[in-house]
Amino acid sequence: MLEDLREYLGLIRSEAFRCKSITNGLLDFSRTRASDHVTINLGDVIASAVRLLSHQKRRSAVEFNVDIAEDLRPVSGDPGQLQQAIIALATNALDAMVIGGVLTIVASDQAEKVIVEVTDNGVGIQPENLPKIFEPFFTTKEIGKGTGLGLAVCYGILTEHGGTLDVQSTVGIGTTFTITLPAVNLNEE
């Protein structure tokens, strides 16, 4: 019981600092902001994001399926910003699975890149909306349910990290967002 309380308090503390970082990011949305890039294990960032999402228990009918390659190469980045991007993508996925489903996050290496796929089996994105989803303030959510900044901020974070954010979606089947980041070659450091 005491150990659970400590874990929850630790999560609350780290999330308060992450919220501060998110708020600063939103305030600086139109300006370029220097971030602290360090060599990180993206698998740890993903695991932390999934722990936070699972504690929310927003969707009891959603199953989390996480597959992080054991030998995942490190990336250079700001752990808080990358976690923010993963949480935003996963939150959108949870919102898209209105009656439940499976949220899958897979992290792997491909050539000199680290790839993270966030997949849901939700409602999908209408084809006419796909070209607009990374535009600031574009949302298909009800008034009061979304600001239209989540995907735009994710796109900005990943671009700032030298990466990309792509999407594939089929209405009625689901959506996959693919993050691609350059891997760090530890032999060159």
N, C-alpha and C. Protein backbone atom coordinates (compact mmCIF):
# COMPACT_ATOMS: atom_id res chain seq x y z
N MET A 1 0.83 -1.20 0.00
CA MET A 1 0.00 0.00 0.00
C MET A 1 0.86 1.26 0.00
N LEU A 2 1.86 1.28 0.91
CA LEU A 2 2.75 2.43 0.99
C LEU A 2 3.57 2.56 -0.29
N GLU A 3 3.98 1.43 -0.86
CA GLU A 3 4.75 1.45 -2.10
C GLU A 3 3.91 2.00 -3.25
N ASP A 4 2.62 1.62 -3.31
CA ASP A 4 1.72 2.16 -4.33
C ASP A 4 1.58 3.67 -4.19
N LEU A 5 1.44 4.13 -2.95
CA LEU A 5 1.31 5.56 -2.69
C LEU A 5 2.55 6.31 -3.16
N ARG A 6 3.72 5.75 -2.88
CA ARG A 6 4.96 6.39 -3.33
C ARG A 6 5.03 6.45 -4.85
N GLU A 7 4.60 5.36 -5.51
CA GLU A 7 4.62 5.35 -6.98
C GLU A 7 3.68 6.42 -7.52
N TYR A 8 2.47 6.51 -6.95
CA TYR A 8 1.50 7.51 -7.41
C TYR A 8 2.02 8.94 -7.17
N LEU A 9 2.64 9.17 -6.01
CA LEU A 9 3.18 10.49 -5.72
C LEU A 9 4.32 10.82 -6.69
N GLY A 10 5.14 9.85 -6.99
CA GLY A 10 6.20 10.05 -7.97
C GLY A 10 5.65 10.40 -9.34
N LEU A 11 4.58 9.68 -9.73
CA LEU A 11 3.93 9.97 -11.02
C LEU A 11 3.34 11.37 -11.03
N ILE A 12 2.70 11.75 -9.93
CA ILE A 12 2.10 13.08 -9.84
C ILE A 12 3.18 14.15 -9.97
N ARG A 13 4.29 13.95 -9.29
CA ARG A 13 5.39 14.92 -9.34
C ARG A 13 5.94 15.03 -10.77
N SER A 14 6.22 13.89 -11.38
CA SER A 14 6.80 13.94 -12.73
C SER A 14 5.80 14.51 -13.72
N GLU A 15 4.53 14.23 -13.55
CA GLU A 15 3.51 14.78 -14.45
C GLU A 15 3.33 16.27 -14.27
N ALA A 16 3.50 16.76 -13.03
CA ALA A 16 3.41 18.21 -12.82
C ALA A 16 4.51 18.92 -13.60
N PHE A 17 5.73 18.36 -13.55
CA PHE A 17 6.82 18.95 -14.32
C PHE A 17 6.58 18.81 -15.82
N ARG A 18 6.00 17.67 -16.25
CA ARG A 18 5.71 17.49 -17.67
C ARG A 18 4.64 18.49 -18.11
N CYS A 19 3.63 18.73 -17.27
CA CYS A 19 2.59 19.71 -17.60
C CYS A 19 3.19 21.10 -17.75
N LYS A 20 4.14 21.43 -16.88
CA LYS A 20 4.82 22.72 -17.00
C LYS A 20 5.52 22.80 -18.35
N SER A 21 6.17 21.72 -18.73
CA SER A 21 6.87 21.69 -20.02
C SER A 21 5.89 21.82 -21.18
N ILE A 22 4.75 21.14 -21.09
CA ILE A 22 3.72 21.22 -22.14
C ILE A 22 3.19 22.65 -22.23
N THR A 23 2.92 23.25 -21.08
CA THR A 23 2.41 24.62 -21.07
C THR A 23 3.41 25.57 -21.72
N ASN A 24 4.68 25.40 -21.37
CA ASN A 24 5.71 26.24 -22.01
C ASN A 24 5.75 25.99 -23.51
N GLY A 25 5.60 24.75 -23.91
CA GLY A 25 5.59 24.42 -25.34
C GLY A 25 4.43 25.08 -26.07
N LEU A 26 3.26 25.07 -25.44
CA LEU A 26 2.10 25.72 -26.06
C LEU A 26 2.27 27.23 -26.11
N LEU A 27 2.83 27.80 -25.04
CA LEU A 27 3.05 29.25 -25.04
C LEU A 27 4.07 29.66 -26.09
N ASP A 28 5.02 28.78 -26.34
CA ASP A 28 6.07 29.07 -27.31
C ASP A 28 5.77 28.46 -28.66
N PHE A 29 4.54 28.07 -28.90
CA PHE A 29 4.17 27.31 -30.10
C PHE A 29 4.66 27.96 -31.39
N SER A 30 4.57 29.27 -31.46
CA SER A 30 4.94 29.95 -32.70
C SER A 30 6.42 30.34 -32.74
N ARG A 31 7.13 30.08 -31.66
CA ARG A 31 8.56 30.42 -31.62
C ARG A 31 9.38 29.15 -31.56
N THR A 32 10.59 29.23 -32.07
CA THR A 32 11.52 28.12 -31.95
C THR A 32 12.08 28.14 -30.54
N ARG A 33 12.06 27.00 -29.89
CA ARG A 33 12.50 26.92 -28.50
C ARG A 33 13.62 25.89 -28.40
N ALA A 34 14.72 26.28 -27.79
CA ALA A 34 15.82 25.35 -27.60
C ALA A 34 15.43 24.33 -26.53
N SER A 35 15.72 23.08 -26.79
CA SER A 35 15.45 22.05 -25.80
C SER A 35 16.75 21.32 -25.49
N ASP A 36 16.75 20.66 -24.36
CA ASP A 36 17.93 19.92 -23.93
C ASP A 36 17.91 18.54 -24.56
N HIS A 37 18.79 18.30 -25.51
CA HIS A 37 18.88 17.00 -26.14
C HIS A 37 19.97 16.18 -25.47
N VAL A 38 19.59 15.00 -25.03
CA VAL A 38 20.51 14.06 -24.42
C VAL A 38 20.30 12.72 -25.10
N THR A 39 21.25 11.82 -24.93
CA THR A 39 21.09 10.47 -25.46
C THR A 39 20.13 9.71 -24.54
N ILE A 40 19.07 9.20 -25.14
CA ILE A 40 18.04 8.52 -24.33
C ILE A 40 17.64 7.19 -24.94
N ASN A 41 17.12 6.35 -24.07
CA ASN A 41 16.51 5.09 -24.50
C ASN A 41 15.03 5.38 -24.72
N LEU A 42 14.59 5.39 -25.96
CA LEU A 42 13.20 5.70 -26.28
C LEU A 42 12.25 4.65 -25.69
N GLY A 43 12.75 3.44 -25.50
CA GLY A 43 11.94 2.40 -24.86
C GLY A 43 11.52 2.79 -23.46
N ASP A 44 12.42 3.43 -22.71
CA ASP A 44 12.08 3.90 -21.36
C ASP A 44 11.03 5.00 -21.41
N VAL A 45 11.15 5.88 -22.39
CA VAL A 45 10.17 6.96 -22.56
C VAL A 45 8.80 6.38 -22.87
N ILE A 46 8.76 5.38 -23.75
CA ILE A 46 7.49 4.74 -24.11
C ILE A 46 6.89 4.03 -22.90
N ALA A 47 7.72 3.28 -22.16
CA ALA A 47 7.24 2.55 -20.99
C ALA A 47 6.64 3.51 -19.96
N SER A 48 7.30 4.65 -19.76
CA SER A 48 6.79 5.65 -18.82
C SER A 48 5.46 6.22 -19.31
N ALA A 49 5.36 6.50 -20.60
CA ALA A 49 4.11 7.02 -21.16
C ALA A 49 2.97 6.01 -20.99
N VAL A 50 3.26 4.75 -21.23
CA VAL A 50 2.22 3.71 -21.10
C VAL A 50 1.78 3.57 -19.64
N ARG A 51 2.74 3.66 -18.70
CA ARG A 51 2.36 3.61 -17.27
C ARG A 51 1.39 4.74 -16.94
N LEU A 52 1.71 5.94 -17.43
CA LEU A 52 0.83 7.08 -17.16
C LEU A 52 -0.54 6.89 -17.79
N LEU A 53 -0.58 6.41 -19.01
CA LEU A 53 -1.85 6.20 -19.70
C LEU A 53 -2.68 5.11 -19.01
N SER A 54 -2.04 4.06 -18.57
CA SER A 54 -2.79 2.97 -17.94
C SER A 54 -3.35 3.39 -16.59
N HIS A 55 -2.67 4.32 -15.90
CA HIS A 55 -3.19 4.81 -14.61
C HIS A 55 -4.42 5.69 -14.80
N GLN A 56 -4.57 6.27 -15.98
CA GLN A 56 -5.75 7.11 -16.23
C GLN A 56 -7.02 6.28 -16.24
N LYS A 57 -6.92 5.03 -16.69
CA LYS A 57 -8.06 4.12 -16.77
C LYS A 57 -9.26 4.78 -17.44
N ARG A 58 -8.97 5.56 -18.47
CA ARG A 58 -10.03 6.25 -19.20
C ARG A 58 -10.91 5.28 -19.97
N ARG A 59 -10.32 4.20 -20.41
CA ARG A 59 -11.05 3.24 -21.23
C ARG A 59 -10.76 1.85 -20.69
N SER A 60 -11.65 1.33 -19.87
CA SER A 60 -11.40 0.00 -19.30
C SER A 60 -11.47 -1.08 -20.37
N ALA A 61 -12.10 -0.80 -21.51
CA ALA A 61 -12.23 -1.80 -22.56
C ALA A 61 -11.10 -1.72 -23.59
N VAL A 62 -10.03 -0.99 -23.25
CA VAL A 62 -8.89 -0.88 -24.15
C VAL A 62 -7.74 -1.71 -23.61
N GLU A 63 -7.20 -2.52 -24.48
CA GLU A 63 -6.04 -3.35 -24.13
C GLU A 63 -4.79 -2.66 -24.67
N PHE A 64 -3.74 -2.61 -23.86
CA PHE A 64 -2.47 -2.05 -24.28
C PHE A 64 -1.56 -3.20 -24.72
N ASN A 65 -0.99 -3.07 -25.90
CA ASN A 65 -0.06 -4.05 -26.43
C ASN A 65 1.23 -3.30 -26.77
N VAL A 66 2.28 -3.51 -25.98
CA VAL A 66 3.52 -2.76 -26.15
C VAL A 66 4.64 -3.74 -26.49
N ASP A 67 5.36 -3.46 -27.57
CA ASP A 67 6.46 -4.31 -28.01
C ASP A 67 7.66 -3.41 -28.32
N ILE A 68 8.62 -3.40 -27.39
CA ILE A 68 9.81 -2.57 -27.54
C ILE A 68 10.99 -3.51 -27.77
N ALA A 69 11.68 -3.33 -28.88
CA ALA A 69 12.83 -4.17 -29.19
C ALA A 69 13.85 -4.09 -28.04
N GLU A 70 14.38 -5.24 -27.64
CA GLU A 70 15.34 -5.26 -26.53
C GLU A 70 16.60 -4.50 -26.86
N ASP A 71 17.02 -4.53 -28.10
CA ASP A 71 18.27 -3.88 -28.50
C ASP A 71 18.01 -2.54 -29.20
N LEU A 72 16.94 -1.86 -28.79
CA LEU A 72 16.57 -0.59 -29.41
C LEU A 72 17.72 0.41 -29.26
N ARG A 73 18.13 0.98 -30.36
CA ARG A 73 19.23 1.94 -30.34
C ARG A 73 18.78 3.25 -29.69
N PRO A 74 19.69 3.96 -29.05
CA PRO A 74 19.33 5.23 -28.43
C PRO A 74 19.08 6.32 -29.47
N VAL A 75 18.40 7.37 -29.04
CA VAL A 75 18.18 8.55 -29.87
C VAL A 75 18.64 9.76 -29.07
N SER A 76 18.81 10.87 -29.76
CA SER A 76 19.14 12.12 -29.10
C SER A 76 17.87 12.95 -29.03
N GLY A 77 17.54 13.41 -27.84
CA GLY A 77 16.32 14.19 -27.75
C GLY A 77 16.02 14.67 -26.35
N ASP A 78 14.91 15.33 -26.25
CA ASP A 78 14.38 15.81 -24.98
C ASP A 78 13.35 14.78 -24.53
N PRO A 79 13.63 14.03 -23.45
CA PRO A 79 12.72 12.96 -23.03
C PRO A 79 11.30 13.45 -22.75
N GLY A 80 11.17 14.63 -22.15
CA GLY A 80 9.84 15.16 -21.84
C GLY A 80 9.04 15.46 -23.09
N GLN A 81 9.69 16.05 -24.09
CA GLN A 81 8.99 16.36 -25.33
C GLN A 81 8.60 15.09 -26.07
N LEU A 82 9.50 14.12 -26.12
CA LEU A 82 9.18 12.87 -26.82
C LEU A 82 8.06 12.12 -26.10
N GLN A 83 8.08 12.15 -24.78
CA GLN A 83 6.98 11.53 -24.03
C GLN A 83 5.66 12.26 -24.31
N GLN A 84 5.73 13.58 -24.38
CA GLN A 84 4.53 14.36 -24.70
C GLN A 84 3.95 13.94 -26.05
N ALA A 85 4.82 13.74 -27.04
CA ALA A 85 4.36 13.33 -28.37
C ALA A 85 3.71 11.96 -28.33
N ILE A 86 4.32 11.01 -27.64
CA ILE A 86 3.78 9.65 -27.56
C ILE A 86 2.46 9.64 -26.82
N ILE A 87 2.38 10.39 -25.72
CA ILE A 87 1.12 10.45 -24.96
C ILE A 87 0.02 11.09 -25.80
N ALA A 88 0.33 12.14 -26.55
CA ALA A 88 -0.68 12.78 -27.39
C ALA A 88 -1.20 11.82 -28.46
N LEU A 89 -0.29 11.08 -29.10
CA LEU A 89 -0.72 10.11 -30.12
C LEU A 89 -1.56 9.00 -29.49
N ALA A 90 -1.12 8.51 -28.33
CA ALA A 90 -1.87 7.43 -27.66
C ALA A 90 -3.23 7.92 -27.17
N THR A 91 -3.28 9.16 -26.69
CA THR A 91 -4.56 9.71 -26.22
C THR A 91 -5.54 9.85 -27.38
N ASN A 92 -5.05 10.31 -28.53
CA ASN A 92 -5.91 10.38 -29.71
C ASN A 92 -6.40 8.98 -30.09
N ALA A 93 -5.50 7.99 -29.99
CA ALA A 93 -5.88 6.61 -30.31
C ALA A 93 -6.97 6.12 -29.36
N LEU A 94 -6.82 6.42 -28.07
CA LEU A 94 -7.84 6.01 -27.09
C LEU A 94 -9.18 6.68 -27.41
N ASP A 95 -9.14 7.96 -27.78
CA ASP A 95 -10.37 8.67 -28.12
C ASP A 95 -11.04 8.08 -29.37
N ALA A 96 -10.23 7.52 -30.28
CA ALA A 96 -10.77 6.95 -31.52
C ALA A 96 -11.42 5.59 -31.30
N MET A 97 -11.12 4.95 -30.17
CA MET A 97 -11.68 3.63 -29.88
C MET A 97 -12.86 3.79 -28.92
N VAL A 98 -13.94 4.28 -29.46
CA VAL A 98 -15.10 4.67 -28.67
C VAL A 98 -15.65 3.50 -27.84
N ILE A 99 -15.69 2.31 -28.41
CA ILE A 99 -16.24 1.16 -27.70
C ILE A 99 -15.15 0.21 -27.20
N GLY A 100 -13.92 0.67 -27.21
CA GLY A 100 -12.79 -0.16 -26.76
C GLY A 100 -12.02 -0.69 -27.95
N GLY A 101 -10.96 -1.40 -27.64
CA GLY A 101 -10.12 -1.95 -28.69
C GLY A 101 -8.73 -2.22 -28.19
N VAL A 102 -7.77 -2.19 -29.11
CA VAL A 102 -6.38 -2.47 -28.79
C VAL A 102 -5.51 -1.29 -29.22
N LEU A 103 -4.74 -0.78 -28.28
CA LEU A 103 -3.74 0.25 -28.56
C LEU A 103 -2.40 -0.46 -28.60
N THR A 104 -1.74 -0.42 -29.74
CA THR A 104 -0.46 -1.10 -29.92
C THR A 104 0.64 -0.07 -30.14
N ILE A 105 1.71 -0.22 -29.38
CA ILE A 105 2.88 0.63 -29.57
C ILE A 105 4.08 -0.30 -29.79
N VAL A 106 4.70 -0.16 -30.96
CA VAL A 106 5.83 -1.00 -31.34
C VAL A 106 7.03 -0.09 -31.62
N ALA A 107 8.17 -0.41 -31.00
CA ALA A 107 9.40 0.34 -31.23
C ALA A 107 10.47 -0.61 -31.75
N SER A 108 11.10 -0.22 -32.86
CA SER A 108 12.11 -1.08 -33.47
C SER A 108 13.16 -0.24 -34.18
N ASP A 109 14.25 -0.90 -34.58
CA ASP A 109 15.30 -0.27 -35.37
C ASP A 109 15.12 -0.64 -36.82
N GLN A 110 15.36 0.31 -37.69
CA GLN A 110 15.41 0.06 -39.14
C GLN A 110 16.53 0.91 -39.69
N ALA A 111 17.59 0.24 -40.14
CA ALA A 111 18.78 0.92 -40.66
C ALA A 111 19.32 1.86 -39.59
N GLU A 112 19.43 3.12 -39.87
CA GLU A 112 19.97 4.10 -38.93
C GLU A 112 18.86 4.87 -38.21
N LYS A 113 17.67 4.29 -38.18
CA LYS A 113 16.51 4.98 -37.61
C LYS A 113 15.87 4.14 -36.50
N VAL A 114 15.20 4.83 -35.59
CA VAL A 114 14.35 4.18 -34.59
C VAL A 114 12.92 4.50 -35.00
N ILE A 115 12.10 3.47 -35.10
CA ILE A 115 10.72 3.60 -35.56
C ILE A 115 9.78 3.27 -34.40
N VAL A 116 8.79 4.14 -34.18
CA VAL A 116 7.75 3.88 -33.18
C VAL A 116 6.42 3.98 -33.90
N GLU A 117 5.64 2.90 -33.81
CA GLU A 117 4.30 2.88 -34.42
C GLU A 117 3.26 2.85 -33.31
N VAL A 118 2.33 3.80 -33.37
CA VAL A 118 1.21 3.87 -32.44
C VAL A 118 -0.03 3.55 -33.25
N THR A 119 -0.63 2.39 -32.97
CA THR A 119 -1.74 1.88 -33.78
C THR A 119 -2.98 1.65 -32.93
N ASP A 120 -4.12 2.03 -33.48
CA ASP A 120 -5.40 1.74 -32.83
C ASP A 120 -6.31 1.05 -33.83
N ASN A 121 -7.34 0.40 -33.31
CA ASN A 121 -8.36 -0.18 -34.19
C ASN A 121 -9.68 0.57 -33.96
N GLY A 122 -9.55 1.89 -34.01
CA GLY A 122 -10.70 2.77 -33.79
C GLY A 122 -11.41 3.13 -35.08
N VAL A 123 -12.01 4.30 -35.07
CA VAL A 123 -12.89 4.72 -36.17
C VAL A 123 -12.15 5.12 -37.43
N GLY A 124 -10.85 5.44 -37.31
CA GLY A 124 -10.09 5.88 -38.49
C GLY A 124 -10.32 7.35 -38.77
N ILE A 125 -9.54 7.87 -39.72
CA ILE A 125 -9.60 9.29 -40.10
C ILE A 125 -10.16 9.38 -41.51
N GLN A 126 -11.14 10.23 -41.68
CA GLN A 126 -11.73 10.43 -43.00
C GLN A 126 -10.65 10.89 -43.98
N PRO A 127 -10.64 10.36 -45.20
CA PRO A 127 -9.60 10.72 -46.18
C PRO A 127 -9.47 12.22 -46.43
N GLU A 128 -10.58 12.93 -46.43
CA GLU A 128 -10.52 14.37 -46.68
C GLU A 128 -9.86 15.13 -45.52
N ASN A 129 -9.79 14.52 -44.33
CA ASN A 129 -9.17 15.17 -43.18
C ASN A 129 -7.67 14.88 -43.05
N LEU A 130 -7.20 13.82 -43.69
CA LEU A 130 -5.79 13.43 -43.56
C LEU A 130 -4.81 14.57 -43.89
N PRO A 131 -5.02 15.33 -44.97
CA PRO A 131 -4.05 16.41 -45.27
C PRO A 131 -4.04 17.54 -44.23
N LYS A 132 -5.07 17.62 -43.38
CA LYS A 132 -5.21 18.75 -42.46
C LYS A 132 -4.85 18.42 -41.02
N ILE A 133 -4.60 17.14 -40.69
CA ILE A 133 -4.51 16.76 -39.27
C ILE A 133 -3.32 17.36 -38.53
N PHE A 134 -2.27 17.77 -39.24
CA PHE A 134 -1.11 18.36 -38.57
C PHE A 134 -1.18 19.88 -38.52
N GLU A 135 -2.26 20.46 -39.03
CA GLU A 135 -2.44 21.91 -38.99
C GLU A 135 -2.88 22.33 -37.59
N PRO A 136 -2.29 23.40 -37.06
CA PRO A 136 -2.71 23.88 -35.74
C PRO A 136 -4.20 24.23 -35.73
N PHE A 137 -4.87 23.85 -34.67
CA PHE A 137 -6.27 24.15 -34.39
C PHE A 137 -7.26 23.36 -35.25
N PHE A 138 -6.78 22.43 -36.07
CA PHE A 138 -7.71 21.58 -36.80
C PHE A 138 -8.12 20.42 -35.89
N THR A 139 -9.41 20.23 -35.72
CA THR A 139 -9.91 19.12 -34.91
C THR A 139 -11.24 18.65 -35.47
N THR A 140 -11.49 17.38 -35.29
CA THR A 140 -12.80 16.83 -35.64
C THR A 140 -13.58 16.49 -34.38
N LYS A 141 -13.00 16.78 -33.23
CA LYS A 141 -13.66 16.49 -31.96
C LYS A 141 -14.73 17.53 -31.67
N GLU A 142 -15.65 17.15 -30.81
CA GLU A 142 -16.72 18.06 -30.41
C GLU A 142 -16.12 19.28 -29.72
N ILE A 143 -16.86 20.38 -29.72
CA ILE A 143 -16.42 21.59 -29.05
C ILE A 143 -16.20 21.26 -27.57
N GLY A 144 -15.05 21.70 -27.07
CA GLY A 144 -14.70 21.43 -25.68
C GLY A 144 -13.96 20.12 -25.47
N LYS A 145 -13.85 19.29 -26.50
CA LYS A 145 -13.18 17.99 -26.37
C LYS A 145 -11.76 18.00 -26.91
N GLY A 146 -11.41 18.98 -27.72
CA GLY A 146 -10.06 19.03 -28.27
C GLY A 146 -9.74 20.41 -28.77
N THR A 147 -8.43 20.73 -28.74
CA THR A 147 -7.99 22.06 -29.17
C THR A 147 -7.46 22.07 -30.59
N GLY A 148 -7.13 20.90 -31.10
CA GLY A 148 -6.51 20.84 -32.43
C GLY A 148 -5.03 21.16 -32.39
N LEU A 149 -4.43 21.11 -31.20
CA LEU A 149 -3.00 21.38 -31.09
C LEU A 149 -2.16 20.11 -30.94
N GLY A 150 -2.75 19.02 -30.49
CA GLY A 150 -1.99 17.81 -30.17
C GLY A 150 -1.11 17.32 -31.30
N LEU A 151 -1.69 17.09 -32.46
CA LEU A 151 -0.92 16.56 -33.59
C LEU A 151 0.04 17.60 -34.15
N ALA A 152 -0.36 18.86 -34.14
CA ALA A 152 0.53 19.93 -34.62
C ALA A 152 1.76 20.03 -33.72
N VAL A 153 1.56 19.94 -32.40
CA VAL A 153 2.68 19.98 -31.47
C VAL A 153 3.56 18.74 -31.64
N CYS A 154 2.94 17.56 -31.80
CA CYS A 154 3.71 16.32 -32.04
C CYS A 154 4.58 16.47 -33.28
N TYR A 155 3.99 16.96 -34.34
CA TYR A 155 4.72 17.14 -35.59
C TYR A 155 5.91 18.08 -35.38
N GLY A 156 5.68 19.17 -34.67
CA GLY A 156 6.75 20.12 -34.39
C GLY A 156 7.87 19.52 -33.55
N ILE A 157 7.50 18.77 -32.52
CA ILE A 157 8.49 18.12 -31.66
C ILE A 157 9.35 17.17 -32.47
N LEU A 158 8.72 16.34 -33.28
CA LEU A 158 9.47 15.33 -34.02
C LEU A 158 10.32 15.96 -35.11
N THR A 159 9.84 17.02 -35.73
CA THR A 159 10.64 17.73 -36.72
C THR A 159 11.87 18.35 -36.05
N GLU A 160 11.66 18.95 -34.88
CA GLU A 160 12.77 19.55 -34.13
C GLU A 160 13.82 18.49 -33.75
N HIS A 161 13.39 17.26 -33.59
CA HIS A 161 14.30 16.17 -33.23
C HIS A 161 14.92 15.50 -34.47
N GLY A 162 14.71 16.09 -35.64
CA GLY A 162 15.27 15.52 -36.87
C GLY A 162 14.50 14.31 -37.36
N GLY A 163 13.28 14.15 -36.87
CA GLY A 163 12.47 12.99 -37.23
C GLY A 163 11.28 13.36 -38.09
N THR A 164 10.42 12.37 -38.28
CA THR A 164 9.20 12.57 -39.05
C THR A 164 8.03 11.93 -38.32
N LEU A 165 6.84 12.35 -38.71
CA LEU A 165 5.59 11.78 -38.20
C LEU A 165 4.69 11.54 -39.40
N ASP A 166 4.36 10.27 -39.64
CA ASP A 166 3.51 9.90 -40.77
C ASP A 166 2.26 9.21 -40.25
N VAL A 167 1.24 9.16 -41.11
CA VAL A 167 -0.02 8.54 -40.70
C VAL A 167 -0.57 7.70 -41.84
N GLN A 168 -1.16 6.57 -41.47
CA GLN A 168 -1.95 5.75 -42.38
C GLN A 168 -3.24 5.42 -41.65
N SER A 169 -4.36 5.60 -42.34
CA SER A 169 -5.64 5.37 -41.68
C SER A 169 -6.66 4.84 -42.67
N THR A 170 -7.49 3.94 -42.16
CA THR A 170 -8.61 3.42 -42.93
C THR A 170 -9.86 3.55 -42.07
N VAL A 171 -10.86 4.23 -42.60
CA VAL A 171 -12.09 4.45 -41.86
C VAL A 171 -12.71 3.10 -41.48
N GLY A 172 -13.06 2.98 -40.20
CA GLY A 172 -13.69 1.76 -39.70
C GLY A 172 -12.70 0.67 -39.32
N ILE A 173 -11.42 0.86 -39.63
CA ILE A 173 -10.42 -0.17 -39.32
C ILE A 173 -9.40 0.35 -38.31
N GLY A 174 -8.94 1.59 -38.46
CA GLY A 174 -8.00 2.14 -37.50
C GLY A 174 -6.93 3.00 -38.14
N THR A 175 -6.01 3.43 -37.28
CA THR A 175 -4.98 4.39 -37.67
C THR A 175 -3.64 3.97 -37.09
N THR A 176 -2.58 4.22 -37.87
CA THR A 176 -1.21 4.05 -37.38
C THR A 176 -0.44 5.33 -37.62
N PHE A 177 0.11 5.87 -36.53
CA PHE A 177 1.04 6.99 -36.62
C PHE A 177 2.44 6.40 -36.48
N THR A 178 3.34 6.80 -37.38
CA THR A 178 4.71 6.29 -37.38
C THR A 178 5.69 7.42 -37.12
N ILE A 179 6.39 7.28 -36.01
CA ILE A 179 7.46 8.21 -35.64
C ILE A 179 8.77 7.61 -36.14
N THR A 180 9.56 8.41 -36.83
CA THR A 180 10.89 7.99 -37.26
C THR A 180 11.90 8.99 -36.73
N LEU A 181 12.87 8.49 -35.97
CA LEU A 181 13.91 9.35 -35.39
C LEU A 181 15.29 8.79 -35.75
N PRO A 182 16.27 9.67 -35.95
CA PRO A 182 17.62 9.17 -36.23
C PRO A 182 18.20 8.50 -34.98
N ALA A 183 18.81 7.35 -35.17
CA ALA A 183 19.45 6.64 -34.07
C ALA A 183 20.82 7.26 -33.81
N VAL A 184 21.24 7.17 -32.55
CA VAL A 184 22.56 7.65 -32.16
C VAL A 184 23.54 6.49 -32.32
N ASN A 185 24.65 6.76 -32.99
CA ASN A 185 25.70 5.76 -33.12
C ASN A 185 26.65 5.95 -31.95
N LEU A 186 26.58 5.06 -30.96
CA LEU A 186 27.38 5.21 -29.75
C LEU A 186 28.87 5.09 -30.02
N ASN A 187 29.26 4.48 -31.13
CA ASN A 187 30.67 4.34 -31.47
C ASN A 187 31.31 5.66 -31.88
N GLU A 188 30.46 6.63 -32.26
CA GLU A 188 30.97 7.92 -32.71
C GLU A 188 31.02 8.95 -31.58
N GLU A 189 30.45 8.62 -30.43
CA GLU A 189 30.40 9.60 -29.34
C GLU A 189 31.71 9.64 -28.59
